[in-house]
C-alpha cells in the first residue's frame, strides 16, 4: 500500500520498531510492513496545513486521530467495509515495554490494499477552498450553485468535489475527470460510498450538536476489486466540523479542526511553501485542546495514553 511521503522527513524507523520494514511516512502516519497482508500505521502528532508539514507536533494528536477513526470505522462498517484490523498494540510483534508505552493509542493494524488515485471530498457547506472557488466561479468545480450564497451557507445537497492525490499539492477534479481517472465502476462505487458515509457522519454529529461541513475519504481495493475505506475517517484532520448552536452563515465558524492553525498562518508573513514557520506555543495548545474536546464529545472519553497539561 502506497502513501504520500512526509515532505522533508528523514525516512527512518521509530526507535523500537527498527525490526519492521518502514515503507514510508505520510504527513501524519508512518507505515510499516507486518506481513504480506497487513500493515502497521503509527499515527504521529505531526500537523500539516496548506500541504506543508510543520516541525512542531500537536500534543496527543496521534492518539486522538486513532481513537476517532476507530469510532467511525466501527459505526460505518455496515455502509462500507474498512481496513482496520485492530488498535491493540499487543498485536505488534517484537515491541519492548518502553516502545509499547509510546505506541499505546497511536497504532492501527490494517489490511494491505491498493489505494485509489483520488481523494473523495464531500461538502455540505461552503467553506475553505470551496468558498474560494464559489467566489471565483459561482460554482464548485463543475457543480452549478445558486447565486447569493454566503460563507458557511448550507448546500442544497452534499456534493462530491474530488481531488488528485499528489505528493506536494492535491488538485481539484471535476466529476468527469475523476470518473476518467478512476474508471467508471470504481468512481460510481466510491461516489455512492462517500455520500453514504457523509450522511451517516452528519446524522451522528447532529446528535452531538455538531455540523459536518465537509470531509475527505480515502478508499482502496482488495484483490477482488471490492471497495474498502482506508486511512482515517471523519477526524479533525480530514473534516471541518462546527458547533450547530452557533452556526452563523456569512462569517467564519468556530471549528473542531486545524482551522485555528490556518487562521493564524494567514496572518503570518509566509508564502505557504516549505520551510514552514515555527508555530506559536499558544496556537499548538489551542489546537490540541480542540482535538481532545472533539474526541471526548464523540467517544465519551479521552484516548488511552493521553497526557494532559
C-alpha atoms as a PDB file:
ATOM      1  CA  UNK A   1       0.000   0.000   0.000  1.00  0.00           C
ATOM      2  CA  UNK A   2       1.482   3.322  -1.017  1.00  0.00           C
ATOM      3  CA  UNK A   3       1.150   6.575   0.857  1.00  0.00           C
ATOM      4  CA  UNK A   4       2.127  10.165   0.205  1.00  0.00           C
ATOM      5  CA  UNK A   5       5.616  10.976   1.542  1.00  0.00           C
ATOM      6  CA  UNK A   6       6.132  13.130   4.593  1.00  0.00           C
ATOM      7  CA  UNK A   7       7.707  16.167   2.972  1.00  0.00           C
ATOM      8  CA  UNK A   8      11.196  16.917   4.230  1.00  0.00           C
ATOM      9  CA  UNK A   9      11.292  13.905   6.524  1.00  0.00           C
ATOM     10  CA  UNK A  10      14.242  11.631   7.056  1.00  0.00           C
ATOM     11  CA  UNK A  11      12.686   8.228   6.499  1.00  0.00           C
ATOM     12  CA  UNK A  12      13.934   6.163   9.424  1.00  0.00           C
ATOM     13  CA  UNK A  13      12.114   3.724  11.708  1.00  0.00           C
ATOM     14  CA  UNK A  14      10.882   4.889  15.070  1.00  0.00           C
ATOM     15  CA  UNK A  15      13.179   3.643  17.844  1.00  0.00           C
ATOM     16  CA  UNK A  16      11.840   0.293  18.976  1.00  0.00           C
ATOM     17  CA  UNK A  17      10.409  -0.544  15.538  1.00  0.00           C
ATOM     18  CA  UNK A  18      13.669  -0.985  13.637  1.00  0.00           C
ATOM     19  CA  UNK A  19      12.898  -4.696  13.294  1.00  0.00           C
ATOM     20  CA  UNK A  20       9.991  -3.806  10.994  1.00  0.00           C
ATOM     21  CA  UNK A  21      10.310  -2.585   7.423  1.00  0.00           C
ATOM     22  CA  UNK A  22       9.357   1.080   7.160  1.00  0.00           C
ATOM     23  CA  UNK A  23       7.514   1.513   3.865  1.00  0.00           C
ATOM     24  CA  UNK A  24       7.074   5.261   4.089  1.00  0.00           C
ATOM     25  CA  UNK A  25       5.795   8.190   6.069  1.00  0.00           C
ATOM     26  CA  UNK A  26       2.808  10.365   5.285  1.00  0.00           C
ATOM     27  CA  UNK A  27       2.082  13.804   6.612  1.00  0.00           C
ATOM     28  CA  UNK A  28       0.827  12.206   9.825  1.00  0.00           C
ATOM     29  CA  UNK A  29       1.243   8.401   9.669  1.00  0.00           C
ATOM     30  CA  UNK A  30       4.310   6.179   9.428  1.00  0.00           C
ATOM     31  CA  UNK A  31       3.637   2.887   7.647  1.00  0.00           C
ATOM     32  CA  UNK A  32       5.403  -0.393   8.454  1.00  0.00           C
ATOM     33  CA  UNK A  33       5.090  -3.814   6.872  1.00  0.00           C
ATOM     34  CA  UNK A  34       3.905  -6.548   9.213  1.00  0.00           C
ATOM     35  CA  UNK A  35       3.388  -9.287   6.645  1.00  0.00           C
ATOM     36  CA  UNK A  36       2.103  -9.815   3.120  1.00  0.00           C
ATOM     37  CA  UNK A  37      -1.469  -8.901   4.048  1.00  0.00           C
ATOM     38  CA  UNK A  38      -1.215  -6.376   6.919  1.00  0.00           C
ATOM     39  CA  UNK A  39       0.436  -3.053   7.662  1.00  0.00           C
ATOM     40  CA  UNK A  40       1.116  -1.090  10.829  1.00  0.00           C
ATOM     41  CA  UNK A  41       0.051   2.552  10.888  1.00  0.00           C
ATOM     42  CA  UNK A  42       1.711   4.643  13.612  1.00  0.00           C
ATOM     43  CA  UNK A  43      -0.093   7.967  13.940  1.00  0.00           C
ATOM     44  CA  UNK A  44       2.209  10.794  14.950  1.00  0.00           C
ATOM     45  CA  UNK A  45       1.479  14.217  16.429  1.00  0.00           C
ATOM     46  CA  UNK A  46       2.692  15.916  13.225  1.00  0.00           C
ATOM     47  CA  UNK A  47       0.448  18.574  11.734  1.00  0.00           C
ATOM     48  CA  UNK A  48       0.244  19.999   8.234  1.00  0.00           C
ATOM     49  CA  UNK A  49      -1.521  22.970   6.704  1.00  0.00           C
ATOM     50  CA  UNK A  50      -1.611  24.143   3.096  1.00  0.00           C
ATOM     51  CA  UNK A  51       0.089  20.813   2.234  1.00  0.00           C
ATOM     52  CA  UNK A  52       3.173  21.678   4.305  1.00  0.00           C
ATOM     53  CA  UNK A  53       4.250  19.667   7.360  1.00  0.00           C
ATOM     54  CA  UNK A  54       5.366  21.656  10.393  1.00  0.00           C
ATOM     55  CA  UNK A  55       8.263  20.941  12.703  1.00  0.00           C
ATOM     56  CA  UNK A  56       6.160  21.061  15.852  1.00  0.00           C
ATOM     57  CA  UNK A  57       3.691  18.407  16.889  1.00  0.00           C
ATOM     58  CA  UNK A  58       0.273  18.876  18.484  1.00  0.00           C
ATOM     59  CA  UNK A  59       0.203  17.142  21.886  1.00  0.00           C
ATOM     60  CA  UNK A  60      -1.947  13.960  21.902  1.00  0.00           C
ATOM     61  CA  UNK A  61      -2.976  14.441  18.264  1.00  0.00           C
ATOM     62  CA  UNK A  62      -1.966  10.957  17.144  1.00  0.00           C
ATOM     63  CA  UNK A  63      -3.976   9.276  19.878  1.00  0.00           C
ATOM     64  CA  UNK A  64      -6.991  11.500  19.211  1.00  0.00           C
ATOM     65  CA  UNK A  65      -6.976  10.706  15.487  1.00  0.00           C
ATOM     66  CA  UNK A  66      -6.642   6.973  16.135  1.00  0.00           C
ATOM     67  CA  UNK A  67      -9.492   6.856  18.641  1.00  0.00           C
ATOM     68  CA  UNK A  68     -11.817   8.942  16.473  1.00  0.00           C
ATOM     69  CA  UNK A  69     -11.025   6.873  13.378  1.00  0.00           C
ATOM     70  CA  UNK A  70     -11.816   3.654  15.250  1.00  0.00           C
ATOM     71  CA  UNK A  71     -15.066   5.206  16.490  1.00  0.00           C
ATOM     72  CA  UNK A  72     -16.147   5.855  12.897  1.00  0.00           C
ATOM     73  CA  UNK A  73     -14.781   2.619  11.440  1.00  0.00           C
ATOM     74  CA  UNK A  74     -16.862   0.694  13.972  1.00  0.00           C
ATOM     75  CA  UNK A  75     -20.013   2.671  13.169  1.00  0.00           C
ATOM     76  CA  UNK A  76     -19.772   2.700   9.388  1.00  0.00           C
ATOM     77  CA  UNK A  77     -18.680  -0.891   8.687  1.00  0.00           C
ATOM     78  CA  UNK A  78     -22.216  -1.741   7.582  1.00  0.00           C
ATOM     79  CA  UNK A  79     -22.062   1.053   4.973  1.00  0.00           C
ATOM     80  CA  UNK A  80     -18.668   0.157   3.506  1.00  0.00           C
ATOM     81  CA  UNK A  81     -16.025  -2.222   4.878  1.00  0.00           C
ATOM     82  CA  UNK A  82     -12.821  -0.652   6.173  1.00  0.00           C
ATOM     83  CA  UNK A  83      -9.189  -1.662   6.507  1.00  0.00           C
ATOM     84  CA  UNK A  84      -8.942  -1.708  10.327  1.00  0.00           C
ATOM     85  CA  UNK A  85      -7.906  -4.999  11.925  1.00  0.00           C
ATOM     86  CA  UNK A  86      -7.107  -3.828  15.467  1.00  0.00           C
ATOM     87  CA  UNK A  87      -5.789  -0.917  17.522  1.00  0.00           C
ATOM     88  CA  UNK A  88      -4.315  -3.242  20.174  1.00  0.00           C
ATOM     89  CA  UNK A  89      -0.591  -2.526  20.477  1.00  0.00           C
ATOM     90  CA  UNK A  90      -0.041  -6.098  21.657  1.00  0.00           C
ATOM     91  CA  UNK A  91      -0.715  -7.170  18.062  1.00  0.00           C
ATOM     92  CA  UNK A  92       2.608  -5.591  17.036  1.00  0.00           C
ATOM     93  CA  UNK A  93       5.373  -8.203  17.240  1.00  0.00           C
ATOM     94  CA  UNK A  94       8.712  -7.640  18.968  1.00  0.00           C
ATOM     95  CA  UNK A  95       7.792  -4.482  20.881  1.00  0.00           C
ATOM     96  CA  UNK A  96       9.537  -3.836  24.199  1.00  0.00           C
ATOM     97  CA  UNK A  97       7.851  -2.206  27.207  1.00  0.00           C
ATOM     98  CA  UNK A  98       9.177   1.303  26.524  1.00  0.00           C
ATOM     99  CA  UNK A  99       8.091   1.229  22.892  1.00  0.00           C
ATOM    100  CA  UNK A 100       4.728  -0.224  23.827  1.00  0.00           C
ATOM    101  CA  UNK A 101       4.088   2.729  26.158  1.00  0.00           C
ATOM    102  CA  UNK A 102       4.906   5.170  23.350  1.00  0.00           C
ATOM    103  CA  UNK A 103       2.654   3.352  20.879  1.00  0.00           C
ATOM    104  CA  UNK A 104      -0.418   2.845  23.074  1.00  0.00           C
ATOM    105  CA  UNK A 105      -3.355   4.615  21.474  1.00  0.00           C
ATOM    106  CA  UNK A 106      -1.402   5.527  18.325  1.00  0.00           C
ATOM    107  CA  UNK A 107      -1.440   2.377  16.202  1.00  0.00           C
ATOM    108  CA  UNK A 108      -3.715   0.688  13.727  1.00  0.00           C
ATOM    109  CA  UNK A 109      -3.048  -2.716  12.221  1.00  0.00           C
ATOM    110  CA  UNK A 110      -4.735  -2.553   8.826  1.00  0.00           C
ATOM    111  CA  UNK A 111      -5.329  -4.652   5.738  1.00  0.00           C
ATOM    112  CA  UNK A 112      -2.900  -4.124   2.882  1.00  0.00           C
ATOM    113  CA  UNK A 113      -4.857  -2.688  -0.043  1.00  0.00           C
ATOM    114  CA  UNK A 114      -4.393  -0.731  -3.250  1.00  0.00           C
ATOM    115  CA  UNK A 115      -5.366   2.943  -2.766  1.00  0.00           C
ATOM    116  CA  UNK A 116      -7.408   4.733  -5.400  1.00  0.00           C
ATOM    117  CA  UNK A 117      -5.682   7.697  -7.116  1.00  0.00           C
ATOM    118  CA  UNK A 118      -8.385  10.065  -5.853  1.00  0.00           C
ATOM    119  CA  UNK A 119      -9.269  11.779  -2.578  1.00  0.00           C
ATOM    120  CA  UNK A 120     -13.037  11.768  -2.158  1.00  0.00           C
ATOM    121  CA  UNK A 121     -14.050  15.145  -0.699  1.00  0.00           C
ATOM    122  CA  UNK A 122     -17.701  15.691   0.218  1.00  0.00           C
ATOM    123  CA  UNK A 123     -19.021  19.177   1.013  1.00  0.00           C
ATOM    124  CA  UNK A 124     -22.278  20.034   2.735  1.00  0.00           C
ATOM    125  CA  UNK A 125     -21.474  23.695   3.392  1.00  0.00           C
ATOM    126  CA  UNK A 126     -19.404  26.395   1.701  1.00  0.00           C
ATOM    127  CA  UNK A 127     -16.075  26.787   3.453  1.00  0.00           C
ATOM    128  CA  UNK A 128     -12.339  26.731   2.864  1.00  0.00           C
ATOM    129  CA  UNK A 129     -11.268  26.161  -0.737  1.00  0.00           C
ATOM    130  CA  UNK A 130     -14.921  25.543  -1.663  1.00  0.00           C
ATOM    131  CA  UNK A 131     -15.832  29.066  -0.613  1.00  0.00           C
ATOM    132  CA  UNK A 132     -12.876  30.473  -2.577  1.00  0.00           C
ATOM    133  CA  UNK A 133     -13.929  28.509  -5.660  1.00  0.00           C
ATOM    134  CA  UNK A 134     -17.547  29.702  -5.356  1.00  0.00           C
ATOM    135  CA  UNK A 135     -16.460  33.323  -5.034  1.00  0.00           C
ATOM    136  CA  UNK A 136     -14.275  32.937  -8.116  1.00  0.00           C
ATOM    137  CA  UNK A 137     -16.573  30.927 -10.421  1.00  0.00           C
ATOM    138  CA  UNK A 138     -20.034  30.841  -8.856  1.00  0.00           C
ATOM    139  CA  UNK A 139     -19.860  27.044  -8.662  1.00  0.00           C
ATOM    140  CA  UNK A 140     -17.795  24.163  -7.315  1.00  0.00           C
ATOM    141  CA  UNK A 141     -15.516  22.574  -9.917  1.00  0.00           C
ATOM    142  CA  UNK A 142     -18.286  21.818 -12.372  1.00  0.00           C
ATOM    143  CA  UNK A 143     -21.197  21.809  -9.902  1.00  0.00           C
ATOM    144  CA  UNK A 144     -23.608  24.665 -10.531  1.00  0.00           C
ATOM    145  CA  UNK A 145     -24.759  26.533  -7.402  1.00  0.00           C
ATOM    146  CA  UNK A 146     -27.339  29.262  -6.762  1.00  0.00           C
ATOM    147  CA  UNK A 147     -26.116  32.847  -6.650  1.00  0.00           C
ATOM    148  CA  UNK A 148     -26.043  34.775  -3.394  1.00  0.00           C
ATOM    149  CA  UNK A 149     -24.640  32.059  -1.144  1.00  0.00           C
ATOM    150  CA  UNK A 150     -22.508  33.153   1.792  1.00  0.00           C
ATOM    151  CA  UNK A 151     -19.516  31.771   3.610  1.00  0.00           C
ATOM    152  CA  UNK A 152     -20.739  28.771   5.655  1.00  0.00           C
ATOM    153  CA  UNK A 153     -24.015  28.539   3.698  1.00  0.00           C
ATOM    154  CA  UNK A 154     -25.578  25.082   3.625  1.00  0.00           C
ATOM    155  CA  UNK A 155     -25.680  23.497   0.169  1.00  0.00           C
ATOM    156  CA  UNK A 156     -28.956  22.125  -1.161  1.00  0.00           C
ATOM    157  CA  UNK A 157     -27.376  18.651  -1.032  1.00  0.00           C
ATOM    158  CA  UNK A 158     -23.900  17.310  -0.220  1.00  0.00           C
ATOM    159  CA  UNK A 159     -21.611  17.400  -3.252  1.00  0.00           C
ATOM    160  CA  UNK A 160     -18.574  15.318  -4.166  1.00  0.00           C
ATOM    161  CA  UNK A 161     -15.597  17.535  -5.095  1.00  0.00           C
ATOM    162  CA  UNK A 162     -12.775  15.044  -5.654  1.00  0.00           C
ATOM    163  CA  UNK A 163      -9.074  15.861  -5.834  1.00  0.00           C
ATOM    164  CA  UNK A 164      -5.909  14.193  -7.005  1.00  0.00           C
ATOM    165  CA  UNK A 165      -3.524  12.585  -4.505  1.00  0.00           C
ATOM    166  CA  UNK A 166      -0.276  14.419  -5.085  1.00  0.00           C
ATOM    167  CA  UNK A 167       2.998  14.390  -3.156  1.00  0.00           C
ATOM    168  CA  UNK A 168       3.063  18.176  -2.902  1.00  0.00           C
ATOM    169  CA  UNK A 169      -0.447  19.524  -3.514  1.00  0.00           C
ATOM    170  CA  UNK A 170      -3.826  17.895  -4.130  1.00  0.00           C
ATOM    171  CA  UNK A 171      -5.515  19.371  -7.206  1.00  0.00           C
ATOM    172  CA  UNK A 172      -9.293  19.676  -7.751  1.00  0.00           C
ATOM    173  CA  UNK A 173     -11.018  17.378 -10.228  1.00  0.00           C
ATOM    174  CA  UNK A 174     -14.374  17.687 -11.922  1.00  0.00           C
ATOM    175  CA  UNK A 175     -16.716  14.712 -11.664  1.00  0.00           C
ATOM    176  CA  UNK A 176     -15.923  13.826 -15.275  1.00  0.00           C
ATOM    177  CA  UNK A 177     -12.153  13.981 -14.655  1.00  0.00           C
ATOM    178  CA  UNK A 178     -12.449  11.806 -11.562  1.00  0.00           C
ATOM    179  CA  UNK A 179     -14.564   9.256 -13.414  1.00  0.00           C
ATOM    180  CA  UNK A 180     -11.955   9.072 -16.167  1.00  0.00           C
ATOM    181  CA  UNK A 181      -9.055   8.836 -13.697  1.00  0.00           C
ATOM    182  CA  UNK A 182     -10.578   6.128 -11.523  1.00  0.00           C
ATOM    183  CA  UNK A 183     -12.684   4.304 -14.077  1.00  0.00           C
ATOM    184  CA  UNK A 184     -16.478   4.339 -14.181  1.00  0.00           C
ATOM    185  CA  UNK A 185     -17.098   1.307 -11.967  1.00  0.00           C
ATOM    186  CA  UNK A 186     -14.719   2.416  -9.213  1.00  0.00           C
ATOM    187  CA  UNK A 187     -15.935   6.005  -9.402  1.00  0.00           C
ATOM    188  CA  UNK A 188     -19.602   5.080  -9.085  1.00  0.00           C
ATOM    189  CA  UNK A 189     -18.952   2.807  -6.089  1.00  0.00           C
ATOM    190  CA  UNK A 190     -16.738   5.340  -4.293  1.00  0.00           C
ATOM    191  CA  UNK A 191     -19.097   8.234  -5.075  1.00  0.00           C
ATOM    192  CA  UNK A 192     -22.036   6.374  -3.539  1.00  0.00           C
ATOM    193  CA  UNK A 193     -19.978   5.235  -0.538  1.00  0.00           C
ATOM    194  CA  UNK A 194     -18.615   8.721   0.156  1.00  0.00           C
ATOM    195  CA  UNK A 195     -22.095  10.265   0.134  1.00  0.00           C
ATOM    196  CA  UNK A 196     -23.475   7.482   2.365  1.00  0.00           C
ATOM    197  CA  UNK A 197     -20.619   7.938   4.834  1.00  0.00           C
ATOM    198  CA  UNK A 198     -21.181  11.694   4.835  1.00  0.00           C
ATOM    199  CA  UNK A 199     -24.869  11.156   5.550  1.00  0.00           C
ATOM    200  CA  UNK A 200     -24.083   8.870   8.497  1.00  0.00           C
ATOM    201  CA  UNK A 201     -21.453  11.277   9.813  1.00  0.00           C
ATOM    202  CA  UNK A 202     -23.964  14.117   9.571  1.00  0.00           C
ATOM    203  CA  UNK A 203     -26.587  12.078  11.444  1.00  0.00           C
ATOM    204  CA  UNK A 204     -24.256  11.123  14.302  1.00  0.00           C
ATOM    205  CA  UNK A 205     -22.769  14.602  14.653  1.00  0.00           C
ATOM    206  CA  UNK A 206     -26.207  16.225  14.712  1.00  0.00           C
ATOM    207  CA  UNK A 207     -26.836  14.195  17.870  1.00  0.00           C
ATOM    208  CA  UNK A 208     -23.752  15.885  19.343  1.00  0.00           C
ATOM    209  CA  UNK A 209     -24.994  19.353  18.259  1.00  0.00           C
ATOM    210  CA  UNK A 210     -22.297  19.493  15.571  1.00  0.00           C
ATOM    211  CA  UNK A 211     -22.342  20.276  11.853  1.00  0.00           C
ATOM    212  CA  UNK A 212     -20.274  18.250   9.406  1.00  0.00           C
ATOM    213  CA  UNK A 213     -19.332  20.951   6.917  1.00  0.00           C
ATOM    214  CA  UNK A 214     -17.029  18.867   4.741  1.00  0.00           C
ATOM    215  CA  UNK A 215     -14.740  15.862   4.906  1.00  0.00           C
ATOM    216  CA  UNK A 216     -12.314  13.757   2.903  1.00  0.00           C
ATOM    217  CA  UNK A 217     -12.423   9.983   2.495  1.00  0.00           C
ATOM    218  CA  UNK A 218      -9.861   7.627   1.033  1.00  0.00           C
ATOM    219  CA  UNK A 219     -10.650   4.241  -0.450  1.00  0.00           C
ATOM    220  CA  UNK A 220      -8.672   1.230  -1.541  1.00  0.00           C
ATOM    221  CA  UNK A 221      -9.494  -2.000  -3.304  1.00  0.00           C
ATOM    222  CA  UNK A 222      -8.665  -5.601  -2.461  1.00  0.00           C
ATOM    223  CA  UNK A 223      -7.634  -8.370  -4.824  1.00  0.00           C
ATOM    224  CA  UNK A 224     -11.257  -8.902  -5.858  1.00  0.00           C
ATOM    225  CA  UNK A 225     -11.779  -5.217  -6.613  1.00  0.00           C
ATOM    226  CA  UNK A 226     -14.011  -4.620  -3.579  1.00  0.00           C
ATOM    227  CA  UNK A 227     -14.100  -1.030  -2.309  1.00  0.00           C
ATOM    228  CA  UNK A 228     -12.639  -0.547   1.200  1.00  0.00           C
ATOM    229  CA  UNK A 229     -12.494   2.607   3.365  1.00  0.00           C
ATOM    230  CA  UNK A 230      -8.852   3.288   4.335  1.00  0.00           C
ATOM    231  CA  UNK A 231      -6.575   5.809   6.068  1.00  0.00           C
ATOM    232  CA  UNK A 232      -8.750   7.700   8.600  1.00  0.00           C
ATOM    233  CA  UNK A 233     -12.395   8.663   8.854  1.00  0.00           C
ATOM    234  CA  UNK A 234     -14.179  11.845   9.933  1.00  0.00           C
ATOM    235  CA  UNK A 235     -11.322  13.133  12.077  1.00  0.00           C
ATOM    236  CA  UNK A 236     -10.466  16.781  12.754  1.00  0.00           C
ATOM    237  CA  UNK A 237      -7.569  16.342  10.306  1.00  0.00           C
ATOM    238  CA  UNK A 238      -9.807  15.202   7.458  1.00  0.00           C
ATOM    239  CA  UNK A 239     -13.008  17.108   8.276  1.00  0.00           C
ATOM    240  CA  UNK A 240     -14.420  20.508   9.085  1.00  0.00           C
ATOM    241  CA  UNK A 241     -16.914  20.406  11.983  1.00  0.00           C
ATOM    242  CA  UNK A 242     -18.745  23.312  13.598  1.00  0.00           C
ATOM    243  CA  UNK A 243     -20.930  23.745  16.697  1.00  0.00           C
ATOM    244  CA  UNK A 244     -24.529  23.747  15.430  1.00  0.00           C
ATOM    245  CA  UNK A 245     -25.792  26.128  18.093  1.00  0.00           C
ATOM    246  CA  UNK A 246     -23.528  28.931  16.888  1.00  0.00           C
ATOM    247  CA  UNK A 247     -23.870  28.416  13.138  1.00  0.00           C
ATOM    248  CA  UNK A 248     -23.885  31.846  11.522  1.00  0.00           C
ATOM    249  CA  UNK A 249     -23.723  31.982   7.696  1.00  0.00           C
ATOM    250  CA  UNK A 250     -21.699  34.890   6.386  1.00  0.00           C
ATOM    251  CA  UNK A 251     -18.921  34.528   8.948  1.00  0.00           C
ATOM    252  CA  UNK A 252     -16.095  32.168   9.852  1.00  0.00           C
ATOM    253  CA  UNK A 253     -17.315  29.434  12.202  1.00  0.00           C
ATOM    254  CA  UNK A 254     -15.591  28.152  15.342  1.00  0.00           C
ATOM    255  CA  UNK A 255     -14.222  24.823  14.202  1.00  0.00           C
ATOM    256  CA  UNK A 256     -13.204  21.463  15.654  1.00  0.00           C
ATOM    257  CA  UNK A 257     -10.236  21.076  13.335  1.00  0.00           C
ATOM    258  CA  UNK A 258      -6.954  22.782  12.488  1.00  0.00           C
ATOM    259  CA  UNK A 259      -8.682  25.960  11.303  1.00  0.00           C
ATOM    260  CA  UNK A 260      -7.150  27.639  14.361  1.00  0.00           C
ATOM    261  CA  UNK A 261      -3.752  26.981  12.803  1.00  0.00           C
ATOM    262  CA  UNK A 262      -4.837  28.012   9.302  1.00  0.00           C
ATOM    263  CA  UNK A 263      -6.281  31.298  10.594  1.00  0.00           C
ATOM    264  CA  UNK A 264      -3.065  32.058  12.477  1.00  0.00           C
ATOM    265  CA  UNK A 265      -0.949  31.224   9.429  1.00  0.00           C
ATOM    266  CA  UNK A 266      -2.970  33.557   7.196  1.00  0.00           C
ATOM    267  CA  UNK A 267      -1.711  36.426   9.366  1.00  0.00           C
ATOM    268  CA  UNK A 268       1.941  35.376   9.140  1.00  0.00           C
ATOM    269  CA  UNK A 269       4.499  36.571   6.556  1.00  0.00           C
ATOM    270  CA  UNK A 270       4.658  33.146   4.893  1.00  0.00           C
ATOM    271  CA  UNK A 271       4.191  32.133   1.251  1.00  0.00           C
ATOM    272  CA  UNK A 272       2.702  28.714   2.144  1.00  0.00           C
ATOM    273  CA  UNK A 273       5.751  26.887   0.822  1.00  0.00           C
ATOM    274  CA  UNK A 274       8.407  24.975   2.783  1.00  0.00           C
ATOM    275  CA  UNK A 275      10.070  25.689   5.085  1.00  0.00           C
ATOM    276  CA  UNK A 276       7.157  26.133   7.464  1.00  0.00           C
ATOM    277  CA  UNK A 277       7.314  28.805  10.167  1.00  0.00           C
ATOM    278  CA  UNK A 278       7.505  27.846  13.820  1.00  0.00           C
ATOM    279  CA  UNK A 279       4.027  27.579  15.352  1.00  0.00           C
ATOM    280  CA  UNK A 280       3.370  29.734  18.406  1.00  0.00           C
ATOM    281  CA  UNK A 281       3.000  27.597  21.571  1.00  0.00           C
ATOM    282  CA  UNK A 282      -0.427  29.034  22.388  1.00  0.00           C
ATOM    283  CA  UNK A 283      -1.675  28.057  18.910  1.00  0.00           C
ATOM    284  CA  UNK A 284      -0.467  24.478  19.411  1.00  0.00           C
ATOM    285  CA  UNK A 285      -2.179  24.373  22.802  1.00  0.00           C
ATOM    286  CA  UNK A 286      -5.480  25.646  21.425  1.00  0.00           C
ATOM    287  CA  UNK A 287      -5.403  23.152  18.548  1.00  0.00           C
ATOM    288  CA  UNK A 288      -4.624  20.325  20.985  1.00  0.00           C
ATOM    289  CA  UNK A 289      -7.486  21.368  23.263  1.00  0.00           C
ATOM    290  CA  UNK A 290      -9.983  21.418  20.372  1.00  0.00           C
ATOM    291  CA  UNK A 291      -8.904  17.998  19.099  1.00  0.00           C
ATOM    292  CA  UNK A 292      -9.200  16.462  22.549  1.00  0.00           C
ATOM    293  CA  UNK A 293     -12.543  18.182  23.188  1.00  0.00           C
ATOM    294  CA  UNK A 294     -13.970  16.712  19.990  1.00  0.00           C
ATOM    295  CA  UNK A 295     -12.667  13.235  20.833  1.00  0.00           C
ATOM    296  CA  UNK A 296     -14.299  13.290  24.251  1.00  0.00           C
ATOM    297  CA  UNK A 297     -17.530  14.686  22.807  1.00  0.00           C
ATOM    298  CA  UNK A 298     -17.713  11.923  20.186  1.00  0.00           C
ATOM    299  CA  UNK A 299     -16.436   8.913  22.096  1.00  0.00           C
ATOM    300  CA  UNK A 300     -17.234   9.867  25.683  1.00  0.00           C
ATOM    301  CA  UNK A 301     -13.634   9.584  26.883  1.00  0.00           C
ATOM    302  CA  UNK A 302     -10.053  10.634  26.264  1.00  0.00           C
ATOM    303  CA  UNK A 303      -7.792   8.274  24.315  1.00  0.00           C
ATOM    304  CA  UNK A 304      -5.663   5.752  26.155  1.00  0.00           C
ATOM    305  CA  UNK A 305      -2.234   7.155  26.979  1.00  0.00           C
ATOM    306  CA  UNK A 306      -3.187  10.843  26.790  1.00  0.00           C
ATOM    307  CA  UNK A 307      -1.088  13.148  28.937  1.00  0.00           C
ATOM    308  CA  UNK A 308      -2.775  16.388  29.939  1.00  0.00           C
ATOM    309  CA  UNK A 309      -1.155  19.687  30.781  1.00  0.00           C
END
